[in-house]
Structures are given as C-alpha cells and as structure tokens.
C-alpha cells in the first residue's frame, strides 16, 4: 500500500518496469493510455492514503475524476489499493477486479480477466507475488493463490492454489504444469 511519497515513486518505477517502459520516463502524448491509467491509479492511491488538507483533497478529487474517465474508456474496473507494485496490463479490454482483492507485486492481467467475489459477498481473492492471468481468466470467491502462479486463458479458479510456481488451466482450473509464471512476466523484474 502506498503510504509515503517514496513508496509512491517505488510503485511507479516498478509498474514502469513491468510494462516494459524502462527507458520512457513519461508516457507519450498520444498513445500509452494503459501507462497513463496506471500512473493515475497510483496517484489516486497516494491521494487516498497520504494527502490531507483542503488542497490535497481537491487534487485528489481531480485525479479521481480523470482516473474514472480513463477507466471507462479503457474498460477497466480496478479499484485503488488492490495491487502491489509491478502491475502490468498489456492490452485494452474489460478487466473487472473486486475492491476487496489483495494482490502482491508483479501481477500481470490480460484482457477479459475477472477477479471477484461470489453471490454479492465481500470476501475476495488473496493473490501472491509474480502471478499471471491469461486472457479471459476468472478467479471467483475468497480463494488464495500462491506466489509465481500462472492461470491460463479462460481458466476458472474457484479453489485455493497453494502450490507456488505452477500453471493452472481449465474449467474448473487444475494444475497442468510445474512451470512458474516468470516467462509470462517482464524479465526486467527479476534482475
């Protein structure tokens, strides 16, 4: 969770690496909407957790408004304070994440991913570090997912994945390989 200017900058740098933007200090004027989205997400988190006073609240409201508009345009429903540093979203497309999800660092979400609760409940997934979710993957309910897990395209996870460094696929998801998620993440994250 972002709780200071230093952690805010750390999150931005890690997100930049995860997106493969190590050389670009800033997003381009045209394009780079996903990178702009992630920067706004982190600014909203910083505003919610760290800003105080009238001016801080006003700036926070401005960032929230811009974040909401960009979220709608890109098709992302990702609430603040859910993902650790190193969030990577490589493509536009609908992504829905419940507000009570807690995910570690270096999480990559392809298009069509849903990570939610069941039957209007409030308990949602707890996701470890270095996890990858393929196109259309669904994680439903209060499941726990270990570190270094890859969830394949269109897989449906409804039970805990406690074995780290494995790949899961199918409906319902089952282990298909002992291979970890690192080949699906930016190699710069592991240097």
N, C-alpha and C. Protein backbone atom coordinates (compact mmCIF):
# COMPACT_ATOMS: atom_id res chain seq x y z
N UNK A 1 0.84 -1.18 0.00
CA UNK A 1 0.00 0.00 0.00
C UNK A 1 0.89 1.25 0.00
N UNK A 2 0.50 2.21 -0.78
CA UNK A 2 1.26 3.46 -0.85
C UNK A 2 0.97 4.26 0.41
N UNK A 3 2.02 4.54 1.19
CA UNK A 3 1.84 5.29 2.43
C UNK A 3 2.81 6.46 2.56
N UNK A 4 3.58 6.74 1.50
CA UNK A 4 4.50 7.88 1.51
C UNK A 4 4.89 8.21 0.07
N UNK A 5 5.54 9.35 -0.10
CA UNK A 5 6.00 9.74 -1.43
C UNK A 5 7.02 8.74 -1.96
N UNK A 6 7.86 8.20 -1.09
CA UNK A 6 8.87 7.23 -1.51
C UNK A 6 8.23 5.95 -2.03
N UNK A 7 7.22 5.43 -1.32
CA UNK A 7 6.57 4.21 -1.80
C UNK A 7 5.78 4.49 -3.08
N UNK A 8 5.22 5.68 -3.20
CA UNK A 8 4.54 6.06 -4.45
C UNK A 8 5.52 5.99 -5.62
N UNK A 9 6.71 6.56 -5.45
CA UNK A 9 7.72 6.54 -6.52
C UNK A 9 8.20 5.12 -6.81
N UNK A 10 8.31 4.30 -5.77
CA UNK A 10 8.70 2.89 -5.96
C UNK A 10 7.66 2.15 -6.78
N UNK A 11 6.39 2.36 -6.47
CA UNK A 11 5.31 1.71 -7.22
C UNK A 11 5.34 2.14 -8.69
N UNK A 12 5.53 3.42 -8.94
CA UNK A 12 5.57 3.94 -10.32
C UNK A 12 6.74 3.30 -11.08
N UNK A 13 7.91 3.25 -10.48
CA UNK A 13 9.08 2.65 -11.14
C UNK A 13 8.86 1.16 -11.43
N UNK A 14 8.28 0.45 -10.46
CA UNK A 14 8.04 -0.99 -10.64
C UNK A 14 6.97 -1.23 -11.72
N UNK A 15 5.92 -0.41 -11.75
CA UNK A 15 4.90 -0.53 -12.79
C UNK A 15 5.52 -0.25 -14.16
N UNK A 16 6.40 0.73 -14.21
CA UNK A 16 7.08 1.09 -15.45
C UNK A 16 7.91 -0.10 -15.96
N UNK A 17 8.64 -0.74 -15.08
CA UNK A 17 9.42 -1.93 -15.45
C UNK A 17 8.52 -3.06 -15.94
N UNK A 18 7.43 -3.30 -15.19
CA UNK A 18 6.52 -4.40 -15.53
C UNK A 18 5.89 -4.20 -16.90
N UNK A 19 5.68 -2.96 -17.29
CA UNK A 19 5.10 -2.66 -18.60
C UNK A 19 6.15 -2.62 -19.70
N UNK A 20 7.42 -2.80 -19.34
CA UNK A 20 8.50 -2.75 -20.32
C UNK A 20 8.81 -1.33 -20.76
N UNK A 21 8.61 -0.37 -19.90
CA UNK A 21 8.83 1.04 -20.21
C UNK A 21 10.06 1.58 -19.50
N UNK A 22 11.11 0.77 -19.35
CA UNK A 22 12.26 1.19 -18.56
C UNK A 22 12.95 2.44 -19.09
N UNK A 23 12.86 2.72 -20.38
CA UNK A 23 13.55 3.89 -20.93
C UNK A 23 12.68 5.13 -20.96
N UNK A 24 11.38 4.96 -21.02
CA UNK A 24 10.47 6.11 -21.13
C UNK A 24 10.17 6.67 -19.75
N UNK A 25 10.61 7.87 -19.49
CA UNK A 25 10.35 8.48 -18.20
C UNK A 25 8.89 8.88 -18.07
N UNK A 26 8.28 9.30 -19.16
CA UNK A 26 6.88 9.72 -19.15
C UNK A 26 6.13 9.08 -20.32
N UNK A 27 4.82 8.95 -20.17
CA UNK A 27 4.04 8.42 -21.30
C UNK A 27 4.02 9.42 -22.46
N UNK A 28 3.90 8.89 -23.66
CA UNK A 28 3.80 9.76 -24.83
C UNK A 28 2.48 10.52 -24.79
N UNK A 29 2.44 11.66 -25.47
CA UNK A 29 1.23 12.47 -25.50
C UNK A 29 0.06 11.69 -26.11
N UNK A 30 0.32 11.01 -27.22
CA UNK A 30 -0.71 10.19 -27.85
C UNK A 30 -0.29 8.73 -27.72
N UNK A 31 -1.21 7.92 -27.29
CA UNK A 31 -0.89 6.52 -27.01
C UNK A 31 -0.53 6.35 -25.54
N UNK A 32 -0.05 5.21 -25.18
CA UNK A 32 0.35 4.89 -23.80
C UNK A 32 -0.79 5.07 -22.80
N UNK A 33 -2.04 4.82 -23.23
CA UNK A 33 -3.17 5.01 -22.31
C UNK A 33 -3.10 4.09 -21.09
N UNK A 34 -2.61 2.89 -21.28
CA UNK A 34 -2.52 1.97 -20.14
C UNK A 34 -1.50 2.47 -19.13
N UNK A 35 -0.37 2.97 -19.60
CA UNK A 35 0.65 3.54 -18.71
C UNK A 35 0.08 4.76 -17.99
N UNK A 36 -0.68 5.60 -18.71
CA UNK A 36 -1.34 6.75 -18.07
C UNK A 36 -2.34 6.29 -17.02
N UNK A 37 -3.09 5.22 -17.33
CA UNK A 37 -4.05 4.67 -16.38
C UNK A 37 -3.35 4.23 -15.10
N UNK A 38 -2.24 3.51 -15.24
CA UNK A 38 -1.54 3.03 -14.06
C UNK A 38 -0.96 4.17 -13.23
N UNK A 39 -0.47 5.21 -13.89
CA UNK A 39 0.03 6.38 -13.16
C UNK A 39 -1.12 7.04 -12.38
N UNK A 40 -2.27 7.20 -13.03
CA UNK A 40 -3.42 7.78 -12.33
C UNK A 40 -3.89 6.90 -11.18
N UNK A 41 -3.87 5.58 -11.37
CA UNK A 41 -4.23 4.66 -10.29
C UNK A 41 -3.34 4.90 -9.08
N UNK A 42 -2.04 5.02 -9.30
CA UNK A 42 -1.11 5.25 -8.19
C UNK A 42 -1.29 6.64 -7.58
N UNK A 43 -1.62 7.64 -8.40
CA UNK A 43 -1.88 8.98 -7.85
C UNK A 43 -3.13 8.97 -6.98
N UNK A 44 -4.16 8.25 -7.40
CA UNK A 44 -5.38 8.14 -6.59
C UNK A 44 -5.08 7.43 -5.28
N UNK A 45 -4.28 6.35 -5.34
CA UNK A 45 -3.91 5.65 -4.12
C UNK A 45 -3.12 6.55 -3.18
N UNK A 46 -2.19 7.31 -3.73
CA UNK A 46 -1.41 8.25 -2.93
C UNK A 46 -2.33 9.29 -2.29
N UNK A 47 -3.27 9.81 -3.09
CA UNK A 47 -4.21 10.80 -2.57
C UNK A 47 -5.09 10.26 -1.46
N UNK A 48 -5.57 9.03 -1.62
CA UNK A 48 -6.43 8.43 -0.60
C UNK A 48 -5.67 8.14 0.69
N UNK A 49 -4.41 7.72 0.56
CA UNK A 49 -3.66 7.27 1.73
C UNK A 49 -2.80 8.35 2.38
N UNK A 50 -2.43 9.40 1.63
CA UNK A 50 -1.41 10.32 2.14
C UNK A 50 -1.79 11.80 2.15
N UNK A 51 -2.67 12.21 1.28
CA UNK A 51 -2.95 13.64 1.16
C UNK A 51 -3.95 14.09 2.21
N UNK A 52 -3.66 15.26 2.77
CA UNK A 52 -4.54 15.83 3.79
C UNK A 52 -4.71 17.31 3.48
N UNK A 53 -5.69 17.92 4.11
CA UNK A 53 -5.92 19.34 3.90
C UNK A 53 -6.80 19.60 2.69
N UNK A 54 -7.25 20.84 2.56
CA UNK A 54 -8.19 21.22 1.50
C UNK A 54 -7.57 21.08 0.11
N UNK A 55 -6.34 21.55 -0.05
CA UNK A 55 -5.70 21.48 -1.36
C UNK A 55 -5.45 20.01 -1.75
N UNK A 56 -4.98 19.20 -0.81
CA UNK A 56 -4.75 17.79 -1.08
C UNK A 56 -6.02 17.06 -1.48
N UNK A 57 -7.14 17.39 -0.81
CA UNK A 57 -8.42 16.76 -1.15
C UNK A 57 -8.90 17.21 -2.52
N UNK A 58 -8.68 18.47 -2.85
CA UNK A 58 -9.07 18.98 -4.16
C UNK A 58 -8.27 18.30 -5.28
N UNK A 59 -6.97 18.18 -5.08
CA UNK A 59 -6.11 17.50 -6.06
C UNK A 59 -6.53 16.03 -6.17
N UNK A 60 -6.84 15.42 -5.03
CA UNK A 60 -7.29 14.03 -5.03
C UNK A 60 -8.58 13.84 -5.81
N UNK A 61 -9.51 14.75 -5.68
CA UNK A 61 -10.76 14.67 -6.43
C UNK A 61 -10.51 14.82 -7.93
N UNK A 62 -9.59 15.70 -8.30
CA UNK A 62 -9.23 15.89 -9.71
C UNK A 62 -8.66 14.59 -10.29
N UNK A 63 -7.76 13.95 -9.55
CA UNK A 63 -7.17 12.69 -10.01
C UNK A 63 -8.24 11.59 -10.10
N UNK A 64 -9.14 11.52 -9.13
CA UNK A 64 -10.20 10.52 -9.16
C UNK A 64 -11.09 10.69 -10.39
N UNK A 65 -11.41 11.93 -10.72
CA UNK A 65 -12.26 12.19 -11.88
C UNK A 65 -11.56 11.75 -13.17
N UNK A 66 -10.30 12.10 -13.33
CA UNK A 66 -9.54 11.70 -14.52
C UNK A 66 -9.38 10.18 -14.58
N UNK A 67 -9.12 9.57 -13.42
CA UNK A 67 -8.97 8.11 -13.33
C UNK A 67 -10.26 7.42 -13.76
N UNK A 68 -11.40 7.90 -13.28
CA UNK A 68 -12.69 7.30 -13.63
C UNK A 68 -12.95 7.39 -15.13
N UNK A 69 -12.71 8.56 -15.72
CA UNK A 69 -12.92 8.73 -17.16
C UNK A 69 -12.05 7.79 -17.98
N UNK A 70 -10.79 7.67 -17.60
CA UNK A 70 -9.89 6.78 -18.33
C UNK A 70 -10.25 5.31 -18.11
N UNK A 71 -10.69 4.96 -16.91
CA UNK A 71 -11.13 3.59 -16.61
C UNK A 71 -12.29 3.19 -17.52
N UNK A 72 -13.26 4.07 -17.66
CA UNK A 72 -14.42 3.79 -18.50
C UNK A 72 -13.99 3.66 -19.96
N UNK A 73 -13.12 4.53 -20.40
CA UNK A 73 -12.66 4.50 -21.79
C UNK A 73 -11.90 3.21 -22.11
N UNK A 74 -11.10 2.72 -21.18
CA UNK A 74 -10.30 1.51 -21.42
C UNK A 74 -11.05 0.22 -21.10
N UNK A 75 -12.13 0.32 -20.34
CA UNK A 75 -12.87 -0.88 -19.95
C UNK A 75 -12.34 -1.55 -18.70
N UNK A 76 -11.61 -0.82 -17.87
CA UNK A 76 -11.02 -1.38 -16.66
C UNK A 76 -11.85 -0.99 -15.44
N UNK A 77 -12.15 -1.95 -14.58
CA UNK A 77 -12.74 -1.68 -13.28
C UNK A 77 -11.75 -2.21 -12.26
N UNK A 78 -10.78 -1.36 -11.94
CA UNK A 78 -9.73 -1.72 -10.99
C UNK A 78 -9.72 -0.67 -9.89
N UNK A 79 -10.17 -1.02 -8.69
CA UNK A 79 -10.20 -0.05 -7.60
C UNK A 79 -8.80 0.21 -7.03
N UNK A 80 -8.64 1.34 -6.35
CA UNK A 80 -7.34 1.63 -5.73
C UNK A 80 -7.03 0.68 -4.57
N UNK A 81 -5.74 0.61 -4.23
CA UNK A 81 -5.23 -0.16 -3.08
C UNK A 81 -5.52 -1.65 -3.17
N UNK A 82 -5.47 -2.21 -4.39
CA UNK A 82 -5.68 -3.63 -4.58
C UNK A 82 -4.38 -4.32 -4.96
N UNK A 83 -3.62 -3.74 -5.91
CA UNK A 83 -2.42 -4.37 -6.45
C UNK A 83 -1.16 -3.75 -5.87
N UNK A 84 -0.17 -4.61 -5.63
CA UNK A 84 1.15 -4.15 -5.20
C UNK A 84 1.91 -3.56 -6.37
N UNK A 85 3.16 -3.19 -6.16
CA UNK A 85 3.95 -2.61 -7.25
C UNK A 85 4.20 -3.63 -8.37
N UNK A 86 4.33 -3.14 -9.58
CA UNK A 86 4.62 -4.01 -10.72
C UNK A 86 3.39 -4.51 -11.44
N UNK A 87 2.27 -3.79 -11.34
CA UNK A 87 1.06 -4.15 -12.08
C UNK A 87 1.33 -3.98 -13.57
N UNK A 88 0.94 -4.99 -14.36
CA UNK A 88 1.13 -4.94 -15.80
C UNK A 88 -0.16 -5.31 -16.51
N UNK A 89 -0.65 -4.40 -17.33
CA UNK A 89 -1.82 -4.64 -18.17
C UNK A 89 -1.37 -4.41 -19.60
N UNK A 90 -1.18 -5.47 -20.38
CA UNK A 90 -0.61 -5.28 -21.72
C UNK A 90 -1.59 -4.84 -22.80
N UNK A 91 -2.93 -5.04 -22.58
CA UNK A 91 -3.89 -4.75 -23.65
C UNK A 91 -5.13 -4.07 -23.09
N UNK A 92 -5.81 -3.32 -23.98
CA UNK A 92 -7.13 -2.81 -23.64
C UNK A 92 -8.09 -3.98 -23.54
N UNK A 93 -9.20 -3.78 -22.88
CA UNK A 93 -10.23 -4.81 -22.80
C UNK A 93 -10.78 -4.86 -21.40
N UNK A 94 -11.93 -5.44 -21.28
CA UNK A 94 -12.61 -5.47 -19.99
C UNK A 94 -11.80 -6.24 -18.96
N UNK A 95 -11.52 -5.57 -17.86
CA UNK A 95 -10.90 -6.20 -16.69
C UNK A 95 -11.69 -5.75 -15.48
N UNK A 96 -12.19 -6.70 -14.69
CA UNK A 96 -13.00 -6.39 -13.52
C UNK A 96 -12.34 -7.00 -12.30
N UNK A 97 -12.09 -6.17 -11.29
CA UNK A 97 -11.46 -6.63 -10.05
C UNK A 97 -12.28 -6.10 -8.87
N UNK A 98 -12.61 -6.98 -7.95
CA UNK A 98 -13.37 -6.61 -6.75
C UNK A 98 -12.51 -5.74 -5.84
N UNK A 99 -13.12 -4.83 -5.14
CA UNK A 99 -12.39 -3.90 -4.27
C UNK A 99 -11.68 -4.59 -3.10
N UNK A 100 -12.13 -5.78 -2.70
CA UNK A 100 -11.52 -6.46 -1.56
C UNK A 100 -10.42 -7.43 -1.94
N UNK A 101 -10.10 -7.52 -3.22
CA UNK A 101 -8.99 -8.36 -3.66
C UNK A 101 -7.68 -7.76 -3.12
N UNK A 102 -6.75 -8.61 -2.74
CA UNK A 102 -5.42 -8.17 -2.35
C UNK A 102 -4.41 -8.96 -3.17
N UNK A 103 -3.61 -8.25 -3.94
CA UNK A 103 -2.65 -8.90 -4.82
C UNK A 103 -1.26 -8.38 -4.51
N UNK A 104 -0.27 -9.24 -4.60
CA UNK A 104 1.12 -8.89 -4.34
C UNK A 104 1.75 -8.16 -5.50
N UNK A 105 3.06 -8.16 -5.50
CA UNK A 105 3.80 -7.43 -6.53
C UNK A 105 3.87 -8.22 -7.83
N UNK A 106 4.10 -7.50 -8.92
CA UNK A 106 4.34 -8.06 -10.26
C UNK A 106 3.20 -8.95 -10.75
N UNK A 107 2.00 -8.43 -10.73
CA UNK A 107 0.84 -9.14 -11.24
C UNK A 107 0.55 -8.67 -12.67
N UNK A 108 0.30 -9.61 -13.57
CA UNK A 108 0.01 -9.28 -14.98
C UNK A 108 -1.39 -9.77 -15.31
N UNK A 109 -2.21 -8.85 -15.84
CA UNK A 109 -3.59 -9.16 -16.19
C UNK A 109 -3.79 -8.97 -17.69
N UNK A 110 -4.15 -10.03 -18.39
CA UNK A 110 -4.50 -9.93 -19.79
C UNK A 110 -5.95 -9.44 -19.90
N UNK A 111 -6.42 -9.19 -21.12
CA UNK A 111 -7.78 -8.70 -21.31
C UNK A 111 -8.80 -9.77 -20.92
N UNK A 112 -9.96 -9.32 -20.44
CA UNK A 112 -11.05 -10.22 -20.10
C UNK A 112 -10.94 -10.88 -18.74
N UNK A 113 -9.99 -10.49 -17.91
CA UNK A 113 -9.81 -11.10 -16.59
C UNK A 113 -10.86 -10.56 -15.62
N UNK A 114 -11.42 -11.47 -14.82
CA UNK A 114 -12.33 -11.09 -13.74
C UNK A 114 -11.83 -11.72 -12.45
N UNK A 115 -11.67 -10.91 -11.43
CA UNK A 115 -11.30 -11.40 -10.10
C UNK A 115 -12.33 -10.83 -9.15
N UNK A 116 -13.28 -11.68 -8.72
CA UNK A 116 -14.41 -11.17 -7.96
C UNK A 116 -14.81 -12.02 -6.78
N UNK A 117 -15.91 -11.62 -6.18
CA UNK A 117 -16.50 -12.33 -5.05
C UNK A 117 -17.68 -13.15 -5.56
N UNK A 118 -18.29 -13.95 -4.70
CA UNK A 118 -19.43 -14.76 -5.11
C UNK A 118 -20.71 -14.28 -4.45
N UNK A 119 -21.78 -14.32 -5.22
CA UNK A 119 -23.13 -14.03 -4.72
C UNK A 119 -23.23 -12.73 -3.93
N UNK A 120 -22.57 -11.71 -4.38
CA UNK A 120 -22.64 -10.42 -3.70
C UNK A 120 -21.88 -10.36 -2.40
N UNK A 121 -21.05 -11.35 -2.13
CA UNK A 121 -20.26 -11.38 -0.90
C UNK A 121 -19.14 -10.36 -0.91
N UNK A 122 -18.50 -10.22 0.22
CA UNK A 122 -17.43 -9.24 0.34
C UNK A 122 -16.05 -9.87 0.43
N UNK A 123 -15.98 -11.18 0.51
CA UNK A 123 -14.69 -11.84 0.58
C UNK A 123 -14.21 -12.13 -0.83
N UNK A 124 -12.97 -11.73 -1.11
CA UNK A 124 -12.41 -11.90 -2.45
C UNK A 124 -11.02 -12.51 -2.35
N UNK A 125 -10.40 -12.71 -3.48
CA UNK A 125 -9.14 -13.43 -3.58
C UNK A 125 -7.97 -12.71 -2.92
N UNK A 126 -7.03 -13.50 -2.45
CA UNK A 126 -5.73 -13.03 -1.98
C UNK A 126 -4.71 -13.67 -2.92
N UNK A 127 -3.98 -12.82 -3.64
CA UNK A 127 -3.09 -13.28 -4.70
C UNK A 127 -1.65 -12.99 -4.31
N UNK A 128 -0.77 -13.94 -4.52
CA UNK A 128 0.64 -13.80 -4.17
C UNK A 128 1.41 -12.94 -5.17
N UNK A 129 2.72 -12.96 -5.03
CA UNK A 129 3.61 -12.19 -5.91
C UNK A 129 3.84 -12.93 -7.23
N UNK A 130 4.16 -12.17 -8.28
CA UNK A 130 4.57 -12.70 -9.59
C UNK A 130 3.53 -13.63 -10.21
N UNK A 131 2.26 -13.21 -10.17
CA UNK A 131 1.19 -14.04 -10.74
C UNK A 131 0.77 -13.51 -12.10
N UNK A 132 0.38 -14.42 -12.97
CA UNK A 132 -0.05 -14.10 -14.33
C UNK A 132 -1.44 -14.67 -14.56
N UNK A 133 -2.31 -13.85 -15.19
CA UNK A 133 -3.67 -14.27 -15.51
C UNK A 133 -3.89 -14.10 -17.01
N UNK A 134 -4.10 -15.21 -17.72
CA UNK A 134 -4.28 -15.19 -19.16
C UNK A 134 -5.61 -14.61 -19.58
N UNK A 135 -5.78 -14.40 -20.86
CA UNK A 135 -7.00 -13.80 -21.42
C UNK A 135 -8.24 -14.56 -20.97
N UNK A 136 -9.18 -13.82 -20.42
CA UNK A 136 -10.46 -14.40 -20.01
C UNK A 136 -10.44 -15.21 -18.74
N UNK A 137 -9.35 -15.22 -18.00
CA UNK A 137 -9.28 -15.98 -16.75
C UNK A 137 -10.24 -15.40 -15.72
N UNK A 138 -10.84 -16.28 -14.94
CA UNK A 138 -11.77 -15.87 -13.89
C UNK A 138 -11.31 -16.45 -12.56
N UNK A 139 -11.30 -15.61 -11.53
CA UNK A 139 -11.00 -16.04 -10.17
C UNK A 139 -12.21 -15.62 -9.34
N UNK A 140 -12.92 -16.60 -8.82
CA UNK A 140 -14.19 -16.33 -8.16
C UNK A 140 -14.14 -16.76 -6.71
N UNK A 141 -14.47 -15.84 -5.81
CA UNK A 141 -14.58 -16.16 -4.39
C UNK A 141 -13.31 -15.87 -3.62
N UNK A 142 -13.34 -16.24 -2.34
CA UNK A 142 -12.26 -15.95 -1.40
C UNK A 142 -11.18 -17.02 -1.49
N UNK A 143 -10.56 -17.13 -2.66
CA UNK A 143 -9.51 -18.12 -2.85
C UNK A 143 -8.15 -17.50 -2.57
N UNK A 144 -7.19 -18.33 -2.25
CA UNK A 144 -5.81 -17.90 -2.06
C UNK A 144 -4.98 -18.48 -3.20
N UNK A 145 -4.17 -17.63 -3.82
CA UNK A 145 -3.31 -18.06 -4.92
C UNK A 145 -1.87 -17.81 -4.49
N UNK A 146 -1.06 -18.85 -4.56
CA UNK A 146 0.34 -18.79 -4.11
C UNK A 146 1.18 -17.92 -5.05
N UNK A 147 2.43 -17.69 -4.67
CA UNK A 147 3.38 -16.93 -5.49
C UNK A 147 3.74 -17.68 -6.77
N UNK A 148 4.09 -16.91 -7.80
CA UNK A 148 4.63 -17.44 -9.06
C UNK A 148 3.68 -18.39 -9.79
N UNK A 149 2.39 -18.14 -9.69
CA UNK A 149 1.38 -18.99 -10.33
C UNK A 149 0.93 -18.34 -11.64
N UNK A 150 0.78 -19.16 -12.68
CA UNK A 150 0.21 -18.73 -13.95
C UNK A 150 -1.15 -19.39 -14.11
N UNK A 151 -2.16 -18.56 -14.41
CA UNK A 151 -3.51 -19.06 -14.66
C UNK A 151 -3.77 -18.87 -16.15
N UNK A 152 -4.04 -19.95 -16.84
CA UNK A 152 -4.18 -19.93 -18.29
C UNK A 152 -5.42 -19.22 -18.79
N UNK A 153 -5.47 -19.02 -20.10
CA UNK A 153 -6.59 -18.35 -20.74
C UNK A 153 -7.89 -19.10 -20.49
N UNK A 154 -8.92 -18.36 -20.15
CA UNK A 154 -10.28 -18.86 -19.92
C UNK A 154 -10.39 -19.84 -18.76
N UNK A 155 -9.39 -19.95 -17.92
CA UNK A 155 -9.47 -20.83 -16.75
C UNK A 155 -10.41 -20.21 -15.72
N UNK A 156 -11.04 -21.06 -14.92
CA UNK A 156 -11.93 -20.60 -13.85
C UNK A 156 -11.41 -21.16 -12.54
N UNK A 157 -10.92 -20.28 -11.68
CA UNK A 157 -10.35 -20.67 -10.39
C UNK A 157 -11.41 -20.45 -9.31
N UNK A 158 -11.82 -21.53 -8.64
CA UNK A 158 -12.81 -21.43 -7.57
C UNK A 158 -12.29 -22.03 -6.26
N UNK A 159 -11.09 -22.61 -6.31
CA UNK A 159 -10.48 -23.22 -5.12
C UNK A 159 -9.06 -22.69 -4.95
N UNK A 160 -8.54 -22.78 -3.74
CA UNK A 160 -7.20 -22.29 -3.45
C UNK A 160 -6.15 -22.98 -4.32
N UNK A 161 -5.14 -22.19 -4.71
CA UNK A 161 -3.96 -22.72 -5.38
C UNK A 161 -2.81 -22.49 -4.41
N UNK A 162 -2.42 -23.53 -3.71
CA UNK A 162 -1.43 -23.39 -2.63
C UNK A 162 -0.02 -23.76 -3.05
N UNK A 163 0.13 -24.38 -4.22
CA UNK A 163 1.44 -24.82 -4.68
C UNK A 163 2.08 -23.70 -5.52
N UNK A 164 3.15 -23.07 -5.02
CA UNK A 164 3.78 -21.98 -5.78
C UNK A 164 4.51 -22.51 -7.02
N UNK A 165 4.66 -21.62 -7.99
CA UNK A 165 5.44 -21.95 -9.18
C UNK A 165 4.78 -22.97 -10.09
N UNK A 166 3.47 -22.90 -10.23
CA UNK A 166 2.74 -23.85 -11.07
C UNK A 166 1.86 -23.13 -12.08
N UNK A 167 1.39 -23.88 -13.08
CA UNK A 167 0.49 -23.35 -14.10
C UNK A 167 -0.83 -24.09 -14.02
N UNK A 168 -1.93 -23.34 -14.09
CA UNK A 168 -3.27 -23.90 -13.94
C UNK A 168 -4.12 -23.50 -15.14
N UNK A 169 -5.00 -24.41 -15.58
CA UNK A 169 -5.89 -24.12 -16.71
C UNK A 169 -7.12 -25.00 -16.61
N UNK A 170 -8.13 -24.67 -17.39
CA UNK A 170 -9.34 -25.47 -17.47
C UNK A 170 -10.48 -24.91 -16.66
N UNK A 171 -11.63 -25.59 -16.79
CA UNK A 171 -12.85 -25.20 -16.07
C UNK A 171 -13.36 -26.45 -15.37
N UNK A 172 -13.27 -26.55 -14.07
CA UNK A 172 -12.53 -25.69 -13.15
C UNK A 172 -11.03 -25.86 -13.33
N UNK A 173 -10.29 -24.87 -12.87
CA UNK A 173 -8.84 -24.87 -13.06
C UNK A 173 -8.18 -26.02 -12.31
N UNK A 174 -7.23 -26.67 -13.01
CA UNK A 174 -6.44 -27.72 -12.38
C UNK A 174 -4.99 -27.58 -12.85
N UNK A 175 -4.09 -28.11 -12.07
CA UNK A 175 -2.67 -27.98 -12.37
C UNK A 175 -2.35 -28.73 -13.66
N UNK A 176 -1.68 -28.01 -14.58
CA UNK A 176 -1.27 -28.66 -15.83
C UNK A 176 0.24 -28.70 -15.99
N UNK A 177 0.96 -27.93 -15.13
CA UNK A 177 2.41 -27.89 -15.29
C UNK A 177 3.06 -27.41 -14.01
N UNK A 178 4.31 -27.79 -13.83
CA UNK A 178 5.11 -27.31 -12.72
C UNK A 178 5.92 -26.08 -13.10
N UNK A 179 5.55 -25.45 -14.18
CA UNK A 179 6.27 -24.27 -14.68
C UNK A 179 5.72 -23.00 -14.02
N UNK A 180 6.61 -22.11 -13.60
CA UNK A 180 6.16 -20.89 -12.93
C UNK A 180 5.74 -19.82 -13.94
N UNK A 181 5.36 -18.66 -13.43
CA UNK A 181 4.82 -17.57 -14.25
C UNK A 181 5.87 -16.65 -14.83
N UNK A 182 7.13 -16.83 -14.52
CA UNK A 182 8.17 -15.85 -14.88
C UNK A 182 8.31 -15.64 -16.37
N UNK A 183 8.05 -16.66 -17.18
CA UNK A 183 8.17 -16.48 -18.63
C UNK A 183 7.07 -15.59 -19.19
N UNK A 184 6.02 -15.38 -18.43
CA UNK A 184 4.91 -14.52 -18.86
C UNK A 184 5.03 -13.09 -18.34
N UNK A 185 6.03 -12.83 -17.53
CA UNK A 185 6.25 -11.50 -16.95
C UNK A 185 7.49 -10.87 -17.57
N UNK A 186 7.63 -9.57 -17.43
CA UNK A 186 8.78 -8.85 -17.98
C UNK A 186 10.05 -9.34 -17.27
N UNK A 187 11.06 -9.70 -18.06
CA UNK A 187 12.30 -10.24 -17.49
C UNK A 187 13.04 -9.23 -16.64
N UNK A 188 12.83 -7.93 -16.89
CA UNK A 188 13.50 -6.89 -16.11
C UNK A 188 13.12 -6.93 -14.62
N UNK A 189 11.97 -7.50 -14.31
CA UNK A 189 11.52 -7.57 -12.92
C UNK A 189 12.36 -8.50 -12.07
N UNK A 190 13.08 -9.42 -12.71
CA UNK A 190 13.82 -10.44 -11.97
C UNK A 190 15.32 -10.24 -12.02
N UNK A 191 15.78 -9.07 -12.44
CA UNK A 191 17.21 -8.78 -12.49
C UNK A 191 17.66 -8.12 -11.21
